Amino acid sequence: MSKPLTEQELHNLAMNIVGRKLEEDGYEFMGINSKPKKNPQFVCLKDKKLHFIIVRNIPFPEDPSNYDQDFMLKMKDHALKHEAKAYYAGVGLSNAQDRFLPVYLNEEYIVDYDGLIEI
C-alpha cells in the first residue's frame, strides 16, 4: 500500500536536496531549522559571509522559482540586520509515474530545483 508523504516529510526531503547542494558548494552550516514555518531553514557561512536560506517544497504544477515577494522582502530585511544575504530555494517534488499523484514513501519522484535565488 502506497503511503503519501506528509507536508513535513516533503519539507524534509526538499531540505535534504538543498542541504546536499549547499554542502557540495562549500557552505558551512551554522543553524538548521526543519520546521516549515520557522525561517530561515538554513543559516550558513561561505567566504566569511552569512547566508539565510528559505526552503520551500512546491507542489506540481506550481513553478518552484515563484515565491512570496512580500515575505521574502521581510526575510531580506532580517538578513541585512545580521549582515547576511537572503536566498530562496524552491524545490518542486512530484510523483515519477504521474505528476498529479502525491509523492509516495519509497517510490520514485521527480525533483525540480534550479538552485538558490538571491533576494
N, C-alpha and C. Protein backbone atom coordinates (compact mmCIF):
# COMPACT_ATOMS: atom_id res chain seq x y z
N MET A 1 0.85 -1.19 0.00
CA MET A 1 0.00 0.00 0.00
C MET A 1 0.89 1.25 0.00
N SER A 2 0.62 2.14 -0.93
CA SER A 2 1.43 3.37 -1.04
C SER A 2 0.98 4.40 -0.02
N LYS A 3 1.96 4.99 0.65
CA LYS A 3 1.67 6.00 1.67
C LYS A 3 2.19 7.35 1.17
N PRO A 4 1.27 8.31 0.99
CA PRO A 4 1.73 9.64 0.56
C PRO A 4 2.58 10.30 1.65
N LEU A 5 3.60 11.04 1.23
CA LEU A 5 4.43 11.76 2.19
C LEU A 5 3.62 12.91 2.80
N THR A 6 3.84 13.17 4.08
CA THR A 6 3.17 14.28 4.75
C THR A 6 3.84 15.59 4.34
N GLU A 7 3.23 16.72 4.68
CA GLU A 7 3.83 18.03 4.40
C GLU A 7 5.22 18.12 5.04
N GLN A 8 5.34 17.66 6.30
CA GLN A 8 6.64 17.70 6.99
C GLN A 8 7.66 16.83 6.27
N GLU A 9 7.26 15.63 5.83
CA GLU A 9 8.19 14.74 5.12
C GLU A 9 8.63 15.35 3.78
N LEU A 10 7.69 15.99 3.08
CA LEU A 10 8.03 16.66 1.81
C LEU A 10 9.00 17.82 2.07
N HIS A 11 8.73 18.57 3.14
CA HIS A 11 9.61 19.68 3.52
C HIS A 11 11.01 19.15 3.86
N ASN A 12 11.09 18.06 4.62
CA ASN A 12 12.38 17.47 4.99
C ASN A 12 13.13 17.00 3.74
N LEU A 13 12.40 16.41 2.80
CA LEU A 13 13.02 15.94 1.55
C LEU A 13 13.58 17.14 0.78
N ALA A 14 12.81 18.22 0.67
CA ALA A 14 13.27 19.43 -0.01
C ALA A 14 14.52 19.97 0.69
N MET A 15 14.50 19.98 2.03
CA MET A 15 15.66 20.48 2.79
C MET A 15 16.90 19.60 2.55
N ASN A 16 16.70 18.29 2.47
CA ASN A 16 17.83 17.38 2.22
C ASN A 16 18.45 17.66 0.85
N ILE A 17 17.60 17.90 -0.15
CA ILE A 17 18.07 18.18 -1.51
C ILE A 17 18.89 19.48 -1.51
N VAL A 18 18.35 20.52 -0.89
CA VAL A 18 19.04 21.82 -0.83
C VAL A 18 20.31 21.70 0.02
N GLY A 19 20.21 21.02 1.16
CA GLY A 19 21.34 20.86 2.06
C GLY A 19 22.52 20.17 1.40
N ARG A 20 22.25 19.10 0.64
CA ARG A 20 23.33 18.38 -0.06
C ARG A 20 24.02 19.31 -1.06
N LYS A 21 23.23 20.10 -1.78
CA LYS A 21 23.79 21.03 -2.77
C LYS A 21 24.63 22.11 -2.09
N LEU A 22 24.13 22.64 -0.96
CA LEU A 22 24.89 23.65 -0.22
C LEU A 22 26.24 23.09 0.23
N GLU A 23 26.20 21.85 0.72
CA GLU A 23 27.42 21.18 1.18
C GLU A 23 28.42 21.05 0.03
N GLU A 24 27.92 20.59 -1.14
CA GLU A 24 28.76 20.46 -2.34
C GLU A 24 29.38 21.79 -2.72
N ASP A 25 28.63 22.87 -2.52
CA ASP A 25 29.08 24.20 -2.92
C ASP A 25 29.92 24.90 -1.85
N GLY A 26 30.25 24.18 -0.77
CA GLY A 26 31.19 24.70 0.21
C GLY A 26 30.59 25.57 1.31
N TYR A 27 29.27 25.46 1.52
CA TYR A 27 28.64 26.21 2.62
C TYR A 27 28.87 25.47 3.93
N GLU A 28 29.08 26.23 5.00
CA GLU A 28 29.25 25.67 6.34
C GLU A 28 27.96 25.96 7.12
N PHE A 29 27.35 24.92 7.66
CA PHE A 29 26.07 25.07 8.36
C PHE A 29 26.27 25.60 9.78
N MET A 30 25.62 26.73 10.08
CA MET A 30 25.65 27.32 11.42
C MET A 30 24.38 26.96 12.18
N GLY A 31 23.28 26.86 11.45
CA GLY A 31 22.00 26.52 12.06
C GLY A 31 21.07 25.91 11.03
N ILE A 32 20.28 24.93 11.46
CA ILE A 32 19.32 24.27 10.58
C ILE A 32 18.00 24.19 11.32
N ASN A 33 16.93 24.60 10.65
CA ASN A 33 15.60 24.54 11.26
C ASN A 33 14.67 23.81 10.30
N SER A 34 14.19 22.66 10.70
CA SER A 34 13.37 21.86 9.79
C SER A 34 11.87 22.10 9.93
N LYS A 35 11.47 23.07 10.75
CA LYS A 35 10.04 23.38 10.84
C LYS A 35 9.67 24.28 9.66
N PRO A 36 8.64 23.89 8.89
CA PRO A 36 8.31 24.65 7.68
C PRO A 36 8.02 26.14 7.92
N LYS A 37 7.46 26.50 9.05
CA LYS A 37 7.10 27.90 9.27
C LYS A 37 8.14 28.70 10.06
N LYS A 38 9.25 28.03 10.45
CA LYS A 38 10.34 28.72 11.14
C LYS A 38 11.38 29.08 10.10
N ASN A 39 11.71 30.36 10.00
CA ASN A 39 12.61 30.81 8.94
C ASN A 39 13.81 31.53 9.52
N PRO A 40 14.97 31.49 8.87
CA PRO A 40 15.28 30.68 7.69
C PRO A 40 15.51 29.21 8.05
N GLN A 41 15.47 28.35 7.04
CA GLN A 41 15.71 26.92 7.28
C GLN A 41 17.20 26.65 7.46
N PHE A 42 18.04 27.37 6.71
CA PHE A 42 19.49 27.20 6.83
C PHE A 42 20.13 28.55 7.11
N VAL A 43 21.05 28.56 8.08
CA VAL A 43 21.93 29.71 8.29
C VAL A 43 23.32 29.14 8.03
N CYS A 44 23.99 29.70 7.01
CA CYS A 44 25.27 29.16 6.59
C CYS A 44 26.33 30.24 6.48
N LEU A 45 27.58 29.79 6.54
CA LEU A 45 28.72 30.66 6.28
C LEU A 45 29.39 30.18 5.00
N LYS A 46 29.76 31.15 4.16
CA LYS A 46 30.59 30.84 2.99
C LYS A 46 31.39 32.08 2.69
N ASP A 47 32.68 31.90 2.51
CA ASP A 47 33.59 33.03 2.28
C ASP A 47 33.43 34.10 3.37
N LYS A 48 33.31 33.63 4.61
CA LYS A 48 33.18 34.50 5.80
C LYS A 48 31.94 35.39 5.75
N LYS A 49 30.96 35.04 4.92
CA LYS A 49 29.72 35.81 4.80
C LYS A 49 28.56 34.92 5.26
N LEU A 50 27.62 35.54 5.99
CA LEU A 50 26.45 34.82 6.50
C LEU A 50 25.37 34.75 5.41
N HIS A 51 24.71 33.59 5.30
CA HIS A 51 23.66 33.37 4.30
C HIS A 51 22.43 32.79 4.99
N PHE A 52 21.26 33.41 4.74
CA PHE A 52 19.98 32.90 5.24
C PHE A 52 19.26 32.28 4.05
N ILE A 53 18.87 31.01 4.19
CA ILE A 53 18.24 30.30 3.07
C ILE A 53 16.87 29.78 3.48
N ILE A 54 15.87 30.21 2.71
CA ILE A 54 14.48 29.80 2.93
C ILE A 54 14.19 28.65 1.96
N VAL A 55 13.74 27.52 2.49
CA VAL A 55 13.46 26.35 1.66
C VAL A 55 11.95 26.11 1.64
N ARG A 56 11.42 25.88 0.45
CA ARG A 56 10.00 25.56 0.30
C ARG A 56 9.82 24.38 -0.63
N ASN A 57 8.95 23.44 -0.22
CA ASN A 57 8.50 22.37 -1.11
C ASN A 57 7.34 22.96 -1.92
N ILE A 58 7.42 22.88 -3.23
CA ILE A 58 6.40 23.44 -4.10
C ILE A 58 5.71 22.31 -4.86
N PRO A 59 4.38 22.13 -4.63
CA PRO A 59 3.68 21.02 -5.29
C PRO A 59 3.51 21.27 -6.79
N PHE A 60 3.58 20.19 -7.58
CA PHE A 60 3.32 20.24 -9.01
C PHE A 60 1.85 20.62 -9.21
N PRO A 61 1.47 21.45 -10.17
CA PRO A 61 2.26 22.02 -11.27
C PRO A 61 2.77 23.44 -11.00
N GLU A 62 2.82 23.88 -9.74
CA GLU A 62 3.32 25.23 -9.46
C GLU A 62 4.80 25.35 -9.82
N ASP A 63 5.23 26.57 -10.13
CA ASP A 63 6.61 26.85 -10.51
C ASP A 63 7.45 27.06 -9.25
N PRO A 64 8.45 26.19 -9.01
CA PRO A 64 9.27 26.31 -7.80
C PRO A 64 10.07 27.60 -7.72
N SER A 65 10.24 28.31 -8.84
CA SER A 65 11.03 29.54 -8.79
C SER A 65 10.18 30.76 -8.41
N ASN A 66 8.85 30.59 -8.33
CA ASN A 66 7.99 31.69 -7.87
C ASN A 66 7.95 31.69 -6.35
N TYR A 67 8.03 32.88 -5.76
CA TYR A 67 7.99 32.96 -4.30
C TYR A 67 7.18 34.17 -3.87
N ASP A 68 6.82 34.18 -2.61
CA ASP A 68 6.04 35.26 -2.00
C ASP A 68 6.97 36.47 -1.82
N GLN A 69 6.79 37.46 -2.69
CA GLN A 69 7.67 38.64 -2.71
C GLN A 69 7.68 39.38 -1.37
N ASP A 70 6.49 39.64 -0.80
CA ASP A 70 6.41 40.40 0.45
C ASP A 70 7.15 39.68 1.58
N PHE A 71 6.89 38.38 1.68
CA PHE A 71 7.54 37.58 2.72
C PHE A 71 9.06 37.60 2.54
N MET A 72 9.52 37.42 1.31
CA MET A 72 10.96 37.35 1.08
C MET A 72 11.63 38.71 1.31
N LEU A 73 10.91 39.80 1.07
CA LEU A 73 11.47 41.13 1.38
C LEU A 73 11.66 41.29 2.88
N LYS A 74 10.71 40.76 3.67
CA LYS A 74 10.85 40.78 5.14
C LYS A 74 12.08 39.97 5.55
N MET A 75 12.26 38.81 4.90
CA MET A 75 13.43 37.97 5.21
C MET A 75 14.72 38.68 4.82
N LYS A 76 14.69 39.41 3.70
CA LYS A 76 15.88 40.14 3.27
C LYS A 76 16.23 41.22 4.30
N ASP A 77 15.20 41.94 4.79
CA ASP A 77 15.44 42.96 5.83
C ASP A 77 16.05 42.31 7.07
N HIS A 78 15.50 41.16 7.46
CA HIS A 78 16.01 40.41 8.61
C HIS A 78 17.49 40.03 8.38
N ALA A 79 17.78 39.55 7.18
CA ALA A 79 19.15 39.15 6.84
C ALA A 79 20.09 40.36 6.90
N LEU A 80 19.65 41.49 6.36
CA LEU A 80 20.50 42.68 6.33
C LEU A 80 20.87 43.15 7.74
N LYS A 81 19.93 43.00 8.68
CA LYS A 81 20.20 43.38 10.07
C LYS A 81 21.34 42.54 10.64
N HIS A 82 21.51 41.34 10.10
CA HIS A 82 22.57 40.44 10.56
C HIS A 82 23.75 40.42 9.58
N GLU A 83 23.76 41.42 8.68
CA GLU A 83 24.80 41.49 7.64
C GLU A 83 24.89 40.18 6.87
N ALA A 84 23.73 39.63 6.52
CA ALA A 84 23.66 38.36 5.80
C ALA A 84 22.99 38.56 4.45
N LYS A 85 23.17 37.59 3.57
CA LYS A 85 22.46 37.56 2.29
C LYS A 85 21.27 36.63 2.45
N ALA A 86 20.17 36.94 1.74
CA ALA A 86 18.97 36.11 1.81
C ALA A 86 18.75 35.40 0.48
N TYR A 87 18.36 34.14 0.57
CA TYR A 87 18.11 33.33 -0.63
C TYR A 87 16.82 32.55 -0.48
N TYR A 88 16.22 32.27 -1.63
CA TYR A 88 15.04 31.42 -1.69
C TYR A 88 15.43 30.15 -2.43
N ALA A 89 15.01 29.01 -1.91
CA ALA A 89 15.25 27.72 -2.56
C ALA A 89 13.92 26.98 -2.68
N GLY A 90 13.30 27.07 -3.84
CA GLY A 90 12.05 26.36 -4.09
C GLY A 90 12.34 25.02 -4.73
N VAL A 91 11.78 23.95 -4.15
CA VAL A 91 12.02 22.60 -4.66
C VAL A 91 10.69 22.00 -5.07
N GLY A 92 10.56 21.73 -6.37
CA GLY A 92 9.37 21.05 -6.88
C GLY A 92 9.56 19.55 -6.74
N LEU A 93 8.61 18.89 -6.10
CA LEU A 93 8.65 17.44 -5.95
C LEU A 93 7.37 16.86 -6.52
N SER A 94 7.51 15.85 -7.38
CA SER A 94 6.31 15.23 -7.94
C SER A 94 6.53 13.74 -8.16
N ASN A 95 5.43 13.02 -8.24
CA ASN A 95 5.43 11.57 -8.45
C ASN A 95 6.01 11.26 -9.83
N ALA A 96 6.94 10.31 -9.90
CA ALA A 96 7.60 9.99 -11.17
C ALA A 96 6.67 9.27 -12.16
N GLN A 97 5.66 8.57 -11.65
CA GLN A 97 4.74 7.83 -12.54
C GLN A 97 3.66 8.75 -13.11
N ASP A 98 3.12 9.59 -12.24
CA ASP A 98 2.06 10.52 -12.63
C ASP A 98 2.23 11.76 -11.78
N ARG A 99 2.64 12.86 -12.42
CA ARG A 99 2.99 14.07 -11.66
C ARG A 99 1.82 14.64 -10.86
N PHE A 100 0.60 14.22 -11.19
CA PHE A 100 -0.56 14.73 -10.46
C PHE A 100 -0.91 13.89 -9.23
N LEU A 101 -0.25 12.75 -9.06
CA LEU A 101 -0.43 11.92 -7.86
C LEU A 101 0.51 12.43 -6.77
N PRO A 102 0.21 12.11 -5.51
CA PRO A 102 1.13 12.52 -4.44
C PRO A 102 2.48 11.81 -4.57
N VAL A 103 3.47 12.35 -3.88
CA VAL A 103 4.76 11.66 -3.76
C VAL A 103 4.58 10.63 -2.66
N TYR A 104 4.89 9.36 -2.98
CA TYR A 104 4.69 8.27 -2.03
C TYR A 104 6.02 7.85 -1.40
N LEU A 105 5.92 7.38 -0.17
CA LEU A 105 7.07 6.86 0.56
C LEU A 105 7.70 5.72 -0.23
N ASN A 106 9.03 5.74 -0.35
CA ASN A 106 9.81 4.68 -1.02
C ASN A 106 9.43 4.47 -2.49
N GLU A 107 8.92 5.50 -3.15
CA GLU A 107 8.66 5.41 -4.59
C GLU A 107 9.40 6.54 -5.29
N GLU A 108 9.63 6.36 -6.58
CA GLU A 108 10.40 7.36 -7.32
C GLU A 108 9.67 8.69 -7.41
N TYR A 109 10.46 9.75 -7.44
CA TYR A 109 9.90 11.09 -7.55
C TYR A 109 10.80 11.94 -8.45
N ILE A 110 10.25 13.03 -8.92
CA ILE A 110 10.98 13.96 -9.79
C ILE A 110 11.30 15.21 -8.96
N VAL A 111 12.53 15.69 -9.09
CA VAL A 111 12.97 16.91 -8.40
C VAL A 111 13.14 18.02 -9.43
N ASP A 112 12.52 19.15 -9.16
CA ASP A 112 12.67 20.34 -9.99
C ASP A 112 13.27 21.42 -9.10
N TYR A 113 14.61 21.54 -9.16
CA TYR A 113 15.32 22.51 -8.32
C TYR A 113 16.45 23.13 -9.12
N ASP A 114 16.42 24.45 -9.26
CA ASP A 114 17.41 25.15 -10.06
C ASP A 114 18.43 25.91 -9.24
N GLY A 115 18.48 25.66 -7.95
CA GLY A 115 19.46 26.34 -7.11
C GLY A 115 18.90 27.54 -6.39
N LEU A 116 19.79 28.24 -5.70
CA LEU A 116 19.39 29.39 -4.88
C LEU A 116 19.02 30.60 -5.73
N ILE A 117 18.03 31.34 -5.28
CA ILE A 117 17.66 32.61 -5.89
C ILE A 117 17.97 33.68 -4.86
N GLU A 118 18.90 34.58 -5.19
CA GLU A 118 19.25 35.65 -4.25
C GLU A 118 18.14 36.69 -4.23
N ILE A 119 17.78 37.13 -3.02
CA ILE A 119 16.70 38.12 -2.87
C ILE A 119 17.32 39.50 -2.73
